[in-house]
Amino acid sequence: MEKLTGEYKNTLDEKGRIMFPSKLRSELTENVLMITQGLDGCLWLYTPEEWKNFSDKLMQNASPFNPGSRLVLRHLIAPAQEVEFDKSGRISIPQSLREYANLSKDCVILGINKYIELWDAAKYAAYLDETQLSFREATEKLSEICL
């Protein structure tokens, strides 16, 4: 896998399937992804290799005796499921994850290098509007390391 980048708009069909962008599919070495709840109300999708790296790091640094660790594990690790591409290049989003992300017909798929986000399009637009000031502040803090 080289890089997973780009913003794509696709529709979720009545069976909960979404066509995965061919540009992103071409970067994958396997026919499966791991999908779980993400932050901010989206879903996170990982290649099996990246998921192993991510989940291993979480598990190494989490304790079942720590309430914060249990919370993170229950929200990120527990709901994770493997999804497979069908012959048409679609993946089926599990019902529980569709409900978590409030996915309706129109969706946005974001490639963020090592993982992918899946958003309901209206929710993503609202998120961008709500976070515009925070985004500007965050980018100004990064100016020292990026230039």
Protein backbone atom coordinates (compact mmCIF):
# COMPACT_ATOMS: atom_id res chain seq x y z
CA MET A 1 0.00 0.00 0.00
CA GLU A 2 1.44 3.32 -1.03
CA LYS A 3 -1.03 5.92 0.16
CA LEU A 4 -4.73 6.26 0.66
CA THR A 5 -5.68 9.83 -0.14
CA GLY A 6 -8.53 11.71 -1.73
CA GLU A 7 -12.11 12.76 -1.09
CA TYR A 8 -14.85 10.81 -2.84
CA LYS A 9 -18.63 11.01 -2.84
CA ASN A 10 -20.65 7.84 -3.22
CA THR A 11 -24.08 6.58 -2.32
CA LEU A 12 -25.07 3.87 0.09
CA ASP A 13 -27.63 1.52 -1.44
CA GLU A 14 -30.72 0.16 0.32
CA LYS A 15 -28.77 -2.96 1.38
CA GLY A 16 -26.06 -0.93 3.12
CA ARG A 17 -23.43 -1.36 0.39
CA ILE A 18 -21.22 1.38 -0.95
CA MET A 19 -19.08 1.41 -4.07
CA PHE A 20 -15.50 1.87 -3.03
CA PRO A 21 -13.45 4.32 -5.16
CA SER A 22 -11.28 2.45 -7.65
CA LYS A 23 -8.33 4.77 -6.93
CA LEU A 24 -8.34 3.67 -3.29
CA ARG A 25 -9.00 0.02 -4.16
CA SER A 26 -5.99 0.03 -6.47
CA GLU A 27 -3.75 0.89 -3.49
CA LEU A 28 -4.93 -2.11 -1.49
CA THR A 29 -3.12 -5.42 -1.55
CA GLU A 30 -6.00 -7.44 -0.07
CA ASN A 31 -9.70 -7.79 -0.79
CA VAL A 32 -10.76 -6.97 2.78
CA LEU A 33 -10.81 -4.02 5.16
CA MET A 34 -11.40 -3.70 8.88
CA ILE A 35 -14.12 -1.20 9.79
CA THR A 36 -14.89 0.29 13.18
CA GLN A 37 -16.32 3.32 14.91
CA GLY A 38 -14.18 6.40 14.48
CA LEU A 39 -14.13 9.73 16.22
CA ASP A 40 -16.42 12.65 15.40
CA GLY A 41 -19.20 10.31 14.22
CA CYS A 42 -17.50 8.71 11.23
CA LEU A 43 -16.28 5.18 10.55
CA TRP A 44 -12.63 4.21 10.24
CA LEU A 45 -11.47 1.62 7.71
CA TYR A 46 -8.06 -0.02 7.82
CA THR A 47 -6.18 -2.55 5.77
CA PRO A 48 -5.64 -5.74 7.80
CA GLU A 49 -1.95 -4.85 8.22
CA GLU A 50 -2.64 -1.30 9.43
CA TRP A 51 -5.44 -2.55 11.69
CA LYS A 52 -3.05 -5.04 13.30
CA ASN A 53 -0.50 -2.26 13.92
CA PHE A 54 -3.15 0.10 15.29
CA SER A 55 -4.98 -2.43 17.47
CA ASP A 56 -1.73 -3.97 18.77
CA LYS A 57 -0.54 -0.53 19.92
CA LEU A 58 -3.86 0.12 21.64
CA MET A 59 -3.87 -3.26 23.36
CA GLN A 60 -0.24 -2.90 24.52
CA ASN A 61 -1.00 0.43 26.15
CA ALA A 62 -4.44 -0.38 27.56
CA SER A 63 -5.34 -2.06 30.82
CA PRO A 64 -8.71 -3.65 31.54
CA PHE A 65 -8.32 -2.15 35.03
CA ASN A 66 -8.23 1.42 33.71
CA PRO A 67 -11.67 2.97 33.03
CA GLY A 68 -10.35 5.16 30.18
CA SER A 69 -8.69 2.18 28.51
CA ARG A 70 -11.87 0.12 28.74
CA LEU A 71 -13.84 2.96 27.19
CA VAL A 72 -11.46 3.27 24.23
CA LEU A 73 -11.34 -0.49 23.68
CA ARG A 74 -15.13 -0.77 23.76
CA HIS A 75 -15.55 1.99 21.21
CA LEU A 76 -12.72 1.12 18.82
CA ILE A 77 -11.77 -2.56 19.15
CA ALA A 78 -15.04 -4.24 20.11
CA PRO A 79 -17.19 -3.00 17.19
CA ALA A 80 -14.52 -3.71 14.55
CA GLN A 81 -15.53 -6.07 11.77
CA GLU A 82 -13.93 -7.38 8.62
CA VAL A 83 -15.65 -6.42 5.37
CA GLU A 84 -14.89 -7.92 1.98
CA PHE A 85 -15.18 -6.35 -1.44
CA ASP A 86 -17.76 -7.95 -3.71
CA LYS A 87 -17.18 -8.51 -7.44
CA SER A 88 -18.51 -5.01 -8.17
CA GLY A 89 -16.06 -3.31 -5.79
CA ARG A 90 -18.61 -2.63 -3.07
CA ILE A 91 -18.35 -3.21 0.65
CA SER A 92 -21.31 -3.89 2.90
CA ILE A 93 -21.37 -1.68 5.99
CA PRO A 94 -22.63 -3.59 9.04
CA GLN A 95 -25.96 -2.30 10.38
CA SER A 96 -24.59 -1.38 13.82
CA LEU A 97 -21.86 0.76 12.25
CA ARG A 98 -24.30 2.38 9.79
CA GLU A 99 -26.39 3.37 12.79
CA TYR A 100 -23.40 4.68 14.74
CA ALA A 101 -22.37 6.96 11.86
CA ASN A 102 -25.97 7.82 10.89
CA LEU A 103 -25.17 6.88 7.32
CA SER A 104 -27.91 7.80 4.88
CA LYS A 105 -27.78 7.67 1.10
CA ASP A 106 -25.09 10.28 0.41
CA CYS A 107 -21.66 9.52 1.86
CA VAL A 108 -18.13 10.91 1.77
CA ILE A 109 -15.06 8.67 1.72
CA LEU A 110 -11.78 10.25 2.82
CA GLY A 111 -8.39 8.66 2.28
CA ILE A 112 -6.14 9.75 5.14
CA ASN A 113 -2.90 7.98 4.24
CA LYS A 114 -2.95 4.96 6.59
CA TYR A 115 -6.69 4.74 7.06
CA ILE A 116 -9.99 5.77 5.49
CA GLU A 117 -12.93 7.65 6.95
CA LEU A 118 -16.54 7.09 5.92
CA TRP A 119 -18.99 9.90 6.70
CA ASP A 120 -22.60 10.70 6.10
CA ALA A 121 -22.30 13.61 3.63
CA ALA A 122 -24.56 16.03 5.55
CA LYS A 123 -22.84 15.20 8.84
CA TYR A 124 -19.41 15.77 7.27
CA ALA A 125 -20.47 19.15 5.83
CA ALA A 126 -21.77 20.20 9.27
CA TYR A 127 -18.53 18.99 10.88
CA LEU A 128 -16.45 21.09 8.48
CA ASP A 129 -18.57 24.18 9.22
CA GLU A 130 -18.42 23.65 12.99
CA THR A 131 -14.65 23.14 13.07
CA GLN A 132 -13.47 25.87 10.70
CA LEU A 133 -12.05 28.10 13.47
CA SER A 134 -10.40 25.16 15.25
CA PHE A 135 -8.89 24.05 11.93
CA ARG A 136 -7.34 27.47 11.39
CA GLU A 137 -5.87 27.49 14.90
CA ALA A 138 -4.50 23.97 14.48
CA THR A 139 -2.83 24.79 11.15
CA GLU A 140 -1.22 27.89 12.61
CA LYS A 141 0.35 25.72 15.34
CA LEU A 142 1.72 23.38 12.67
CA SER A 143 3.37 26.19 10.71
CA GLU A 144 6.61 25.81 12.67
CA ILE A 145 7.11 22.19 11.70
CA CYS A 146 5.75 22.27 8.16
CA LEU A 147 7.72 25.17 6.71
